[in-house]
Amino acid sequence: MNILVTGATGYIGKRLIPLLVNEGHHVICAVRDKLRADKSYLNEEHIEVVEADFLKPETLIIFLKI
C-alpha cells in the first residue's frame, strides 16, 4: 500500500516511517526541504522523498504524478 507521510522530518514521522516500511508499505515522505530528510531514505527502495510545501499550491503538482 502507498502511504503519504507529511512531517517526515519531525519527531513522529522519523519513528513512523521505519515501522511502515517494515510492514511492507511504500512510503512517500513529503518534506519542505529534501536536505533535511534522513539520508538513509535515499537508498531505501520503499521510500520516496518528495519536496512540497502545503502553503504553496504550485509545489503540490508532484502529487498528481503519484
Protein backbone atom coordinates (compact mmCIF):
# COMPACT_ATOMS: atom_id res chain seq x y z
CA MET A 1 0.00 0.00 0.00
CA ASN A 2 1.20 3.55 -0.75
CA ILE A 3 1.20 5.77 2.32
CA LEU A 4 1.88 9.52 2.35
CA VAL A 5 3.62 10.79 5.46
CA THR A 6 3.62 14.53 5.98
CA GLY A 7 6.04 15.85 8.56
CA ALA A 8 8.54 13.14 7.67
CA THR A 9 11.41 15.08 9.25
CA GLY A 10 9.57 15.56 12.55
CA TYR A 11 9.59 13.54 15.74
CA ILE A 12 6.67 11.27 14.88
CA GLY A 13 7.48 10.96 11.17
CA LYS A 14 11.03 9.75 11.85
CA ARG A 15 9.68 6.96 14.03
CA LEU A 16 6.66 6.07 11.93
CA ILE A 17 8.40 5.66 8.56
CA PRO A 18 10.61 2.67 9.52
CA LEU A 19 7.60 0.92 11.05
CA LEU A 20 5.58 1.35 7.85
CA VAL A 21 8.44 0.10 5.67
CA ASN A 22 8.91 -2.94 7.92
CA GLU A 23 5.21 -3.72 7.38
CA GLY A 24 5.86 -3.78 3.61
CA HIS A 25 4.34 -0.43 2.65
CA HIS A 26 5.69 2.03 0.07
CA VAL A 27 6.12 5.32 1.94
CA ILE A 28 6.03 8.71 0.26
CA CYS A 29 7.65 11.31 2.51
CA ALA A 30 6.51 14.90 1.98
CA VAL A 31 9.14 17.37 3.17
CA ARG A 32 9.62 21.09 2.66
CA ASP A 33 13.37 20.67 2.22
CA LYS A 34 14.92 17.44 0.87
CA LEU A 35 18.22 18.35 2.53
CA ARG A 36 16.57 17.88 5.95
CA ALA A 37 15.29 14.39 5.12
CA ASP A 38 17.03 11.42 6.68
CA LYS A 39 19.87 10.38 4.35
CA SER A 40 19.05 6.69 4.78
CA TYR A 41 15.76 7.31 2.96
CA LEU A 42 17.63 7.99 -0.27
CA ASN A 43 18.90 4.41 -0.50
CA GLU A 44 15.68 2.70 0.53
CA GLU A 45 13.64 1.32 -2.37
CA HIS A 46 10.33 1.50 -0.45
CA ILE A 47 10.72 5.18 0.45
CA GLU A 48 10.19 8.12 -1.89
CA VAL A 49 11.00 11.65 -0.76
CA VAL A 50 9.09 14.49 -2.41
CA GLU A 51 9.55 18.18 -1.76
CA ALA A 52 6.30 20.04 -1.18
CA ASP A 53 5.04 22.96 0.85
CA PHE A 54 1.31 22.77 1.54
CA LEU A 55 1.17 26.57 1.82
CA LYS A 56 2.43 26.89 -1.78
CA PRO A 57 -0.03 25.23 -4.20
CA GLU A 58 2.49 25.23 -7.06
CA THR A 59 4.63 22.71 -5.15
CA LEU A 60 1.76 20.23 -4.86
CA ILE A 61 1.78 19.32 -8.57
CA ILE A 62 4.07 16.39 -7.64
CA PHE A 63 1.08 14.61 -6.04
CA LEU A 64 -0.75 14.48 -9.35
CA LYS A 65 2.00 12.17 -10.64
CA ILE A 66 1.77 9.70 -7.74
